[in-house]
Amino acid sequence: MLHRRIVLAVLLAVAPWAAVAQSGSQTNLQTYFGPPKSDPAMDWVDRIAKSARELPFTGVYVHQTPERVSTSRVTHIVDKSGVEHEKIESLDGPRTEIIRRNDEMFCYQPDRKTIRVDRRMSGRFFPGLITASAKTIAENYRARLGPVERIAGHECQWVVLEPKDAMRYMHKLCSEIGTGLLLRAQMYNDRNQLIEQFMFTQVDVSGNIARQPIKSRYEQLNGWVREQTARAAQNVDAMFQFGNIPAGFRKVVEMSRNLVGRPAPVQHLVFSDGVLNVSVFVESGTGQAVQGVTVVSEDGPTAFTTRAVADSHVTVMGEVPAAAVQAFADGIRRR
């Protein structure tokens, strides 16, 4: 079915990898983040977002869901011109390497000798899970401080983000005291069950990482196939109306994506509340009315639904409650 193919294709293209190593840090908080704000918990949320973008770090982390556990290594620097460089390596399962320069990603798959060129617009990449300002996040979450804990050899402050509605999950974030870097992130469903966790097992936030361009070990090899998976989209808004979008979610990008097994590009829109992303895929039909019933399913932390809209198939998926993807799907109409 379409939604199953999309789930597999997107997981291959934007799998959530990231890493960390070891060492302490005596960095002064105000050097990076400025003076404290009026809300201490939201001040930590800002620190978490900013540190993932601006700090040099390297380490190994574990990503855990009820279905699988994976380990990755990540290295992140910012060059003198302000460009982010990041290298993410899978340490178990199929060999994969992602090289990121700002939002442009090159995914090397040596077992297939394929380079997938994509955009970092969907998927969740640890430790850069917070993508909006604390002010934006405060519209949809209540923040409170938890205890201080020791993680991967570092003192770490817990911050709890409690959703204000049933359209998103609760998050617990643990931020390194010295730099603000996110060391552990947990997501809980409405039954208070842990459904996803990222955690550094080793991390170096000392700032001693060599500031040289990060390259793939496979970059100079010959005979690789280059796949451009994402391009500028057609104007999806001109064809479809998106109503009933859950509060707090805003469209951040739309693109045309090539998916394995699909004869034509699929239009891909990404909506975000600054913590969670929801993807909407639109596969145009042949001009004939498409018959089909709505299907809603949850697969670990990911919920997805697919339905027919006029002559198109629409699939909505994201790490949100099923009610959220259902609301997105129900509000899509052909203009």
Protein backbone atom coordinates (compact mmCIF):
# COMPACT_ATOMS: atom_id res chain seq x y z
CA MET A 1 0.00 0.00 0.00
CA LEU A 2 1.08 3.58 -0.59
CA HIS A 3 1.51 4.53 3.04
CA ARG A 4 3.73 1.50 3.73
CA ARG A 5 5.95 2.34 0.73
CA ILE A 6 6.17 5.95 1.81
CA VAL A 7 7.06 4.99 5.39
CA LEU A 8 9.92 2.77 4.16
CA ALA A 9 11.16 5.28 1.60
CA VAL A 10 11.18 8.19 4.02
CA LEU A 11 12.86 6.19 6.76
CA LEU A 12 15.66 5.37 4.30
CA ALA A 13 15.95 8.97 3.16
CA VAL A 14 15.71 10.81 6.47
CA ALA A 15 16.43 8.21 9.17
CA PRO A 16 17.08 9.89 12.54
CA TRP A 17 20.79 9.39 13.12
CA ALA A 18 23.17 11.30 15.44
CA ALA A 19 26.07 10.72 17.86
CA VAL A 20 28.35 11.83 20.74
CA ALA A 21 31.79 11.22 22.61
CA GLN A 22 33.25 12.08 25.97
CA SER A 23 34.69 14.93 28.04
CA GLY A 24 33.70 17.64 30.45
CA SER A 25 33.06 21.29 29.70
CA GLN A 26 33.63 24.38 31.79
CA THR A 27 32.05 26.71 29.19
CA ASN A 28 30.26 29.70 30.71
CA LEU A 29 26.56 29.56 29.88
CA GLN A 30 26.26 33.26 29.13
CA THR A 31 29.07 33.00 26.54
CA TYR A 32 26.67 31.02 24.36
CA PHE A 33 23.22 31.96 25.53
CA GLY A 34 23.28 35.43 27.08
CA PRO A 35 21.62 36.36 30.38
CA PRO A 36 18.80 34.21 31.79
CA LYS A 37 15.23 34.93 30.68
CA SER A 38 12.14 35.28 32.89
CA ASP A 39 11.01 31.64 32.44
CA PRO A 40 13.86 29.34 33.56
CA ALA A 41 12.38 26.23 31.89
CA MET A 42 11.89 27.94 28.53
CA ASP A 43 15.36 29.46 28.90
CA TRP A 44 16.68 25.88 28.86
CA VAL A 45 14.59 25.11 25.77
CA ASP A 46 16.30 28.01 23.97
CA ARG A 47 19.70 26.72 25.09
CA ILE A 48 18.93 23.24 23.78
CA ALA A 49 17.95 24.61 20.35
CA LYS A 50 20.89 27.00 20.06
CA SER A 51 23.61 24.60 21.23
CA ALA A 52 22.70 21.96 18.62
CA ARG A 53 23.14 24.58 15.86
CA GLU A 54 26.20 26.46 17.11
CA LEU A 55 28.40 24.22 19.24
CA PRO A 56 31.16 21.86 18.07
CA PHE A 57 30.54 18.38 19.48
CA THR A 58 31.07 14.72 18.70
CA GLY A 59 29.78 11.54 20.25
CA VAL A 60 27.88 8.25 20.09
CA TYR A 61 24.18 7.96 20.82
CA VAL A 62 21.47 5.30 20.97
CA HIS A 63 18.03 5.69 19.36
CA GLN A 64 15.40 3.41 20.90
CA THR A 65 11.76 2.69 20.02
CA PRO A 66 9.60 -0.28 21.07
CA GLU A 67 10.56 -2.02 17.79
CA ARG A 68 14.26 -1.30 17.36
CA VAL A 69 17.49 0.01 18.82
CA SER A 70 20.21 1.64 16.72
CA THR A 71 23.55 3.30 17.46
CA SER A 72 25.13 6.20 15.59
CA ARG A 73 28.08 8.54 15.74
CA VAL A 74 27.72 12.28 15.05
CA THR A 75 30.26 15.06 14.59
CA HIS A 76 29.16 18.69 14.26
CA ILE A 77 31.10 21.91 13.62
CA VAL A 78 30.37 25.41 12.32
CA ASP A 79 32.95 26.96 9.98
CA LYS A 80 34.14 30.58 9.96
CA SER A 81 31.43 31.59 7.48
CA GLY A 82 28.69 30.20 9.74
CA VAL A 83 27.94 27.05 7.70
CA GLU A 84 26.98 23.98 9.72
CA HIS A 85 28.83 20.76 8.87
CA GLU A 86 27.66 17.45 10.29
CA LYS A 87 28.61 13.81 9.78
CA ILE A 88 26.31 11.03 10.97
CA GLU A 89 27.43 7.38 10.77
CA SER A 90 25.34 4.32 11.53
CA LEU A 91 27.28 1.94 13.78
CA ASP A 92 25.03 -1.10 13.40
CA GLY A 93 22.84 -2.45 10.63
CA PRO A 94 23.43 -1.39 7.01
CA ARG A 95 26.38 0.97 6.62
CA THR A 96 25.15 4.52 6.10
CA GLU A 97 26.83 7.91 6.26
CA ILE A 98 25.13 11.31 6.11
CA ILE A 99 27.08 14.47 5.34
CA ARG A 100 25.11 17.65 6.03
CA ARG A 101 25.97 21.22 5.04
CA ASN A 102 23.26 23.42 6.52
CA ASP A 103 20.04 21.86 5.13
CA GLU A 104 21.65 19.97 2.23
CA MET A 105 22.25 16.29 2.96
CA PHE A 106 24.29 13.66 1.13
CA CYS A 107 23.33 10.14 2.25
CA TYR A 108 26.00 7.56 1.30
CA GLN A 109 24.81 3.95 1.14
CA PRO A 110 27.95 1.90 0.36
CA ASP A 111 26.12 -1.44 0.17
CA ARG A 112 24.22 -0.02 -2.83
CA LYS A 113 26.96 2.43 -3.97
CA THR A 114 24.29 5.12 -3.96
CA ILE A 115 24.40 8.78 -2.90
CA ARG A 116 20.99 10.22 -2.08
CA VAL A 117 20.88 14.02 -2.20
CA ASP A 118 18.12 15.34 0.06
CA ARG A 119 17.03 18.27 2.21
CA ARG A 120 16.97 18.26 6.02
CA MET A 121 13.32 19.20 6.23
CA SER A 122 11.71 16.13 7.77
CA GLY A 123 12.76 13.46 10.19
CA ARG A 124 14.16 14.09 13.68
CA PHE A 125 17.92 14.43 14.07
CA PHE A 126 19.42 14.19 17.53
CA PRO A 127 20.50 16.36 19.28
CA GLY A 128 18.86 19.02 17.06
CA LEU A 129 15.28 18.08 17.95
CA ILE A 130 14.13 21.59 18.89
CA THR A 131 13.69 23.68 15.73
CA ALA A 132 11.66 26.68 16.91
CA SER A 133 12.05 29.42 19.48
CA ALA A 134 10.93 28.93 23.06
CA LYS A 135 8.22 31.55 22.46
CA THR A 136 6.75 29.43 19.64
CA ILE A 137 6.98 26.21 21.65
CA ALA A 138 5.28 27.88 24.63
CA GLU A 139 2.16 28.27 22.49
CA ASN A 140 1.64 24.50 22.55
CA TYR A 141 3.62 23.15 25.53
CA ARG A 142 3.98 23.95 29.22
CA ALA A 143 7.60 23.73 30.37
CA ARG A 144 8.86 22.89 33.84
CA LEU A 145 12.25 22.03 35.28
CA GLY A 146 13.00 18.54 36.58
CA PRO A 147 15.97 17.23 38.56
CA VAL A 148 19.67 17.35 37.68
CA GLU A 149 21.11 13.98 36.66
CA ARG A 150 24.45 12.63 35.50
CA ILE A 151 24.41 11.32 31.90
CA ALA A 152 27.42 10.13 29.88
CA GLY A 153 29.74 11.66 32.47
CA HIS A 154 28.07 15.11 32.43
CA GLU A 155 25.73 16.96 34.79
CA CYS A 156 22.41 17.36 33.00
CA GLN A 157 19.25 19.43 33.68
CA TRP A 158 15.89 17.81 32.91
CA VAL A 159 13.16 19.90 31.24
CA VAL A 160 9.61 18.56 30.77
CA LEU A 161 7.42 19.76 27.89
CA GLU A 162 3.77 18.93 28.59
CA PRO A 163 1.38 19.32 25.62
CA LYS A 164 -1.58 21.68 25.96
CA ASP A 165 -3.79 19.46 23.78
CA ALA A 166 -4.12 15.89 22.48
CA MET A 167 -2.39 16.67 19.16
CA ARG A 168 1.16 16.10 20.44
CA TYR A 169 3.19 14.02 22.90
CA MET A 170 4.97 14.85 26.15
CA HIS A 171 8.75 15.25 25.99
CA LYS A 172 11.45 15.04 28.63
CA LEU A 173 14.75 16.67 27.65
CA CYS A 174 18.05 16.56 29.56
CA SER A 175 20.47 19.39 28.76
CA GLU A 176 24.20 19.46 29.62
CA ILE A 177 24.73 22.02 32.37
CA GLY A 178 27.79 23.70 30.87
CA THR A 179 26.78 24.06 27.23
CA GLY A 180 23.06 23.33 26.98
CA LEU A 181 23.60 20.44 24.54
CA LEU A 182 20.79 17.87 24.60
CA LEU A 183 22.12 14.60 26.05
CA ARG A 184 18.91 12.59 26.40
CA ALA A 185 15.43 13.02 24.92
CA GLN A 186 12.36 10.95 25.78
CA MET A 187 8.88 11.00 24.25
CA TYR A 188 5.79 9.65 26.07
CA ASN A 189 2.31 8.87 24.76
CA ASP A 190 -0.97 9.80 26.43
CA ARG A 191 -0.73 6.65 28.58
CA ASN A 192 2.64 7.85 29.94
CA GLN A 193 4.45 5.05 28.09
CA LEU A 194 7.96 5.73 26.79
CA ILE A 195 7.72 5.38 22.99
CA GLU A 196 11.01 6.90 21.83
CA GLN A 197 14.37 7.76 23.36
CA PHE A 198 17.64 9.27 22.16
CA MET A 199 20.61 9.11 24.53
CA PHE A 200 24.30 9.93 24.25
CA THR A 201 26.52 7.21 25.65
CA GLN A 202 29.70 9.19 24.90
CA VAL A 203 29.99 12.89 24.14
CA ASP A 204 32.73 15.51 23.77
CA VAL A 205 31.55 19.10 24.22
CA SER A 206 34.99 20.52 25.07
CA GLY A 207 35.28 22.48 21.80
CA ASN A 208 38.53 20.72 20.86
CA ILE A 209 37.14 19.28 17.61
CA ALA A 210 39.25 20.13 14.56
CA ARG A 211 37.45 22.85 12.57
CA GLN A 212 38.05 21.40 9.14
CA PRO A 213 35.46 20.44 6.49
CA ILE A 214 33.70 17.19 7.30
CA LYS A 215 33.83 14.77 4.37
CA SER A 216 32.62 11.26 3.69
CA ARG A 217 35.13 8.45 3.58
CA TYR A 218 33.41 7.38 0.36
CA GLU A 219 33.53 10.78 -1.34
CA GLN A 220 36.47 10.01 -3.67
CA LEU A 221 35.30 6.54 -4.75
CA ASN A 222 34.15 5.96 -8.33
CA GLY A 223 31.13 4.14 -9.70
CA TRP A 224 28.51 5.55 -7.33
CA VAL A 225 24.96 6.40 -8.47
CA ARG A 226 23.72 9.84 -7.46
CA GLU A 227 19.99 10.15 -6.74
CA GLN A 228 18.34 13.56 -6.40
CA THR A 229 15.42 12.64 -4.17
CA ALA A 230 13.90 16.08 -3.51
CA ARG A 231 13.22 19.02 -5.82
CA ALA A 232 11.10 22.15 -5.74
CA ALA A 233 7.45 21.16 -5.59
CA GLN A 234 4.60 22.16 -7.79
CA ASN A 235 2.28 24.60 -6.08
CA VAL A 236 0.36 22.07 -4.01
CA ASP A 237 -1.67 24.84 -2.35
CA ALA A 238 -3.10 25.73 -5.76
CA MET A 239 -4.51 22.20 -6.09
CA PHE A 240 -5.44 21.35 -2.49
CA GLN A 241 -6.88 23.20 0.46
CA PHE A 242 -5.49 22.34 3.90
CA GLY A 243 -8.03 23.03 6.60
CA ASN A 244 -8.40 21.78 10.16
CA ILE A 245 -4.62 21.78 10.74
CA PRO A 246 -4.01 21.21 14.48
CA ALA A 247 -3.09 24.40 16.37
CA GLY A 248 0.60 25.23 16.41
CA PHE A 249 1.60 23.33 13.27
CA ARG A 250 2.94 25.49 10.44
CA LYS A 251 4.04 24.51 6.97
CA VAL A 252 7.84 24.72 6.84
CA VAL A 253 8.53 23.34 3.36
CA GLU A 254 7.04 21.62 0.34
CA MET A 255 8.98 19.59 -2.21
CA SER A 256 8.60 17.04 -4.97
CA ARG A 257 10.08 13.72 -3.88
CA ASN A 258 11.05 10.63 -5.88
CA LEU A 259 10.03 7.49 -3.99
CA VAL A 260 11.08 3.94 -4.74
CA GLY A 261 8.40 2.06 -6.68
CA ARG A 262 6.38 5.16 -7.63
CA PRO A 263 6.15 5.99 -11.36
CA ALA A 264 5.89 9.75 -10.81
CA PRO A 265 7.14 12.21 -8.18
CA VAL A 266 5.06 12.58 -5.01
CA GLN A 267 4.41 16.03 -3.53
CA HIS A 268 5.72 16.23 0.05
CA LEU A 269 4.73 18.94 2.56
CA VAL A 270 6.17 19.20 6.07
CA PHE A 271 4.36 20.85 8.99
CA SER A 272 6.08 21.45 12.35
CA ASP A 273 5.29 22.77 15.82
CA GLY A 274 8.99 23.23 16.58
CA VAL A 275 9.30 19.85 18.33
CA LEU A 276 7.40 17.39 16.12
CA ASN A 277 7.00 17.13 12.34
CA VAL A 278 4.08 15.89 10.26
CA SER A 279 4.57 14.93 6.59
CA VAL A 280 1.80 15.06 4.00
CA PHE A 281 2.35 13.14 0.74
CA VAL A 282 0.11 13.74 -2.26
CA GLU A 283 0.24 11.28 -5.18
CA SER A 284 -1.72 12.61 -8.14
CA GLY A 285 -4.01 10.22 -9.98
CA THR A 286 -4.92 9.89 -13.63
CA GLY A 287 -7.81 12.33 -13.60
CA GLN A 288 -10.21 9.57 -12.58
CA ALA A 289 -11.81 9.54 -9.14
CA VAL A 290 -9.79 7.37 -6.73
CA GLN A 291 -11.74 4.87 -4.67
CA GLY A 292 -10.53 4.00 -1.22
CA VAL A 293 -11.24 4.15 2.48
CA THR A 294 -9.33 5.98 5.19
CA VAL A 295 -6.81 3.84 7.06
CA VAL A 296 -5.30 4.99 10.37
CA SER A 297 -2.48 3.10 12.06
CA GLU A 298 0.25 3.54 14.67
CA ASP A 299 3.67 1.96 14.29
CA GLY A 300 5.65 2.67 17.45
CA PRO A 301 5.98 6.46 17.82
CA THR A 302 4.82 7.04 14.22
CA ALA A 303 1.16 7.37 13.25
CA PHE A 304 0.00 7.43 9.65
CA THR A 305 -3.17 7.53 7.63
CA THR A 306 -3.99 7.33 3.95
CA ARG A 307 -7.15 8.37 2.11
CA ALA A 308 -8.46 9.19 -1.34
CA VAL A 309 -9.02 12.86 -2.21
CA ALA A 310 -10.68 13.31 -5.63
CA ASP A 311 -8.21 11.76 -8.11
CA SER A 312 -5.26 11.60 -5.66
CA HIS A 313 -3.95 9.50 -2.80
CA VAL A 314 -2.99 11.44 0.34
CA THR A 315 -0.83 9.98 3.11
CA VAL A 316 -0.14 11.76 6.41
CA MET A 317 2.53 10.51 8.82
CA GLY A 318 4.44 11.81 11.81
CA GLU A 319 5.58 11.11 15.35
CA VAL A 320 2.31 12.45 16.72
CA PRO A 321 -0.90 10.88 18.09
CA ALA A 322 -3.21 9.23 15.58
CA ALA A 323 -5.77 11.98 16.23
CA ALA A 324 -3.33 14.53 14.81
CA VAL A 325 -2.69 12.75 11.50
CA GLN A 326 -6.43 12.09 11.22
CA ALA A 327 -7.13 15.82 11.66
CA PHE A 328 -4.63 16.68 8.92
CA ALA A 329 -6.11 14.10 6.54
CA ASP A 330 -9.74 15.07 7.21
CA GLY A 331 -9.01 18.71 6.38
CA ILE A 332 -7.53 18.12 2.89
CA ARG A 333 -9.84 19.04 0.03
CA ARG A 334 -9.36 19.37 -3.71
CA ARG A 335 -9.79 22.98 -4.86
